[in-house]
Amino acid sequence: RKMNLNTSNTLLLEEYTVILLFLCIAIVLATLILSLSYILVIQNPENEKLSAYECGFEPYDDARHQFDVKFYLVAILFIVFDLEAMYLYPWCVSLSKLSITGFWSMIDFVIELGVGFIYIWLIGALNWE
């Protein structure tokens, strides 16, 4: 059966009008918030405020200054565990529709995640000294 071209355009307009409306509201709101924050703030620039801030280190030191590897280690561990935790959300949503294989494979994943967390805890990767 053929759909009328006018009906197709009306359906398309009905579906995307809400998205267009939200996009327009977001643009207007973002512009309003940014402009008001610039207009209402007391402008008091100082040399200290305008300088770059780098992880708690003095920005005027030598650029070849070495710092602790723990910054990188904590960042990598955060990314790994954050991404692994992200896999839990779809599993929780579709848990009632999963087969027993899907259920136990995710339980295995959670156990491996826990073993990895216990391992990095025991070797002291989370201790900040």
Protein backbone atom coordinates (compact mmCIF):
# COMPACT_ATOMS: atom_id res chain seq x y z
CA ARG A 1 0.00 0.00 0.00
CA LYS A 2 1.30 3.46 -0.92
CA MET A 3 1.50 6.19 1.61
CA ASN A 4 0.36 9.62 0.57
CA LEU A 5 3.26 12.07 0.21
CA ASN A 6 1.39 14.68 2.23
CA THR A 7 0.80 12.20 5.07
CA SER A 8 4.48 11.26 5.06
CA ASN A 9 5.55 14.91 5.36
CA THR A 10 3.06 15.53 8.15
CA LEU A 11 4.31 12.51 10.08
CA LEU A 12 7.92 13.65 9.60
CA LEU A 13 7.02 17.15 10.77
CA GLU A 14 5.22 15.82 13.87
CA GLU A 15 8.13 13.60 14.88
CA TYR A 16 10.91 16.13 14.43
CA THR A 17 9.13 19.27 15.65
CA VAL A 18 9.76 18.35 19.28
CA ILE A 19 13.47 17.77 18.59
CA LEU A 20 13.72 21.09 16.78
CA LEU A 21 11.93 22.81 19.66
CA PHE A 22 14.34 21.33 22.23
CA LEU A 23 17.30 22.32 20.06
CA CYS A 24 16.07 25.92 19.82
CA ILE A 25 15.43 26.08 23.59
CA ALA A 26 18.91 24.67 24.29
CA ILE A 27 20.58 27.23 22.01
CA VAL A 28 18.64 30.15 23.50
CA LEU A 29 19.26 28.96 27.07
CA ALA A 30 22.98 28.40 26.49
CA THR A 31 23.35 31.82 24.89
CA LEU A 32 21.41 33.46 27.71
CA ILE A 33 23.42 31.75 30.46
CA LEU A 34 26.78 32.55 28.85
CA SER A 35 25.91 36.16 28.13
CA LEU A 36 24.47 36.78 31.61
CA SER A 37 27.48 35.19 33.29
CA TYR A 38 29.78 37.48 31.31
CA ILE A 39 27.67 40.60 31.94
CA LEU A 40 26.98 40.05 35.66
CA VAL A 41 30.45 38.97 36.79
CA ILE A 42 32.80 41.48 38.35
CA GLN A 43 35.77 41.67 35.99
CA ASN A 44 38.94 41.67 38.10
CA PRO A 45 41.72 40.04 36.07
CA GLU A 46 44.97 39.41 37.89
CA ASN A 47 48.18 37.74 36.82
CA GLU A 48 47.49 34.79 39.14
CA LYS A 49 43.95 34.30 37.85
CA LEU A 50 45.00 34.43 34.22
CA SER A 51 47.77 31.84 34.62
CA ALA A 52 47.34 28.20 33.64
CA TYR A 53 46.57 25.66 36.34
CA GLU A 54 48.26 22.28 35.90
CA CYS A 55 47.31 19.57 38.40
CA GLY A 56 48.41 21.49 41.47
CA PHE A 57 51.89 22.23 40.14
CA GLU A 58 53.32 25.69 39.91
CA PRO A 59 52.81 26.77 36.28
CA TYR A 60 56.01 28.80 36.19
CA ASP A 61 58.37 25.83 36.68
CA ASP A 62 60.43 24.21 33.98
CA ALA A 63 58.34 22.45 31.33
CA ARG A 64 60.52 19.35 31.65
CA HIS A 65 59.63 18.93 35.33
CA GLN A 66 58.96 15.27 36.10
CA PHE A 67 56.03 14.32 38.24
CA ASP A 68 54.76 11.13 39.77
CA VAL A 69 53.48 8.30 37.60
CA LYS A 70 50.55 7.86 39.98
CA PHE A 71 48.69 10.62 38.13
CA TYR A 72 48.73 8.45 35.00
CA LEU A 73 47.98 5.27 36.94
CA VAL A 74 44.94 6.73 38.66
CA ALA A 75 43.67 8.15 35.36
CA ILE A 76 44.06 4.82 33.57
CA LEU A 77 42.42 2.90 36.41
CA PHE A 78 39.54 5.37 36.43
CA ILE A 79 39.00 4.95 32.69
CA VAL A 80 39.19 1.15 32.88
CA PHE A 81 36.75 0.79 35.76
CA ASP A 82 34.45 3.49 34.40
CA LEU A 83 34.18 1.75 31.04
CA GLU A 84 33.66 -1.61 32.69
CA ALA A 85 30.92 -0.16 34.88
CA MET A 86 29.28 1.22 31.74
CA TYR A 87 28.70 -2.35 30.53
CA LEU A 88 26.58 -3.01 33.61
CA TYR A 89 23.80 -0.58 32.60
CA PRO A 90 22.57 -2.43 29.47
CA TRP A 91 22.80 -5.71 31.36
CA CYS A 92 20.64 -4.36 34.19
CA VAL A 93 18.07 -3.00 31.75
CA SER A 94 17.77 -6.21 29.74
CA LEU A 95 18.21 -8.65 32.63
CA SER A 96 14.66 -10.00 32.40
CA LYS A 97 15.09 -10.80 28.68
CA LEU A 98 18.47 -12.54 28.95
CA SER A 99 19.02 -16.25 28.70
CA ILE A 100 20.86 -18.15 31.42
CA THR A 101 24.05 -17.92 29.35
CA GLY A 102 23.82 -14.12 29.19
CA PHE A 103 23.18 -13.97 32.92
CA TRP A 104 26.15 -16.13 33.91
CA SER A 105 28.52 -14.50 31.42
CA MET A 106 27.80 -11.14 33.04
CA ILE A 107 28.23 -12.64 36.51
CA ASP A 108 31.64 -13.86 35.32
CA PHE A 109 32.40 -10.32 34.10
CA VAL A 110 31.45 -8.84 37.48
CA ILE A 111 33.61 -11.40 39.30
CA GLU A 112 36.58 -10.60 37.06
CA LEU A 113 36.00 -6.89 37.68
CA GLY A 114 35.99 -7.52 41.42
CA VAL A 115 39.16 -9.63 41.23
CA GLY A 116 40.88 -6.85 39.28
CA PHE A 117 39.80 -4.27 41.83
CA ILE A 118 41.03 -6.41 44.74
CA TYR A 119 44.34 -6.96 42.93
CA ILE A 120 45.03 -3.24 42.41
CA TRP A 121 43.97 -2.59 45.99
CA LEU A 122 46.35 -5.22 47.35
CA ILE A 123 49.36 -4.04 45.32
CA GLY A 124 48.77 -0.51 46.61
CA ALA A 125 47.89 1.19 43.35
CA LEU A 126 45.12 3.12 45.10
CA ASN A 127 47.31 4.39 47.96
CA TRP A 128 48.28 8.01 47.52
CA GLU A 129 51.43 8.84 49.47
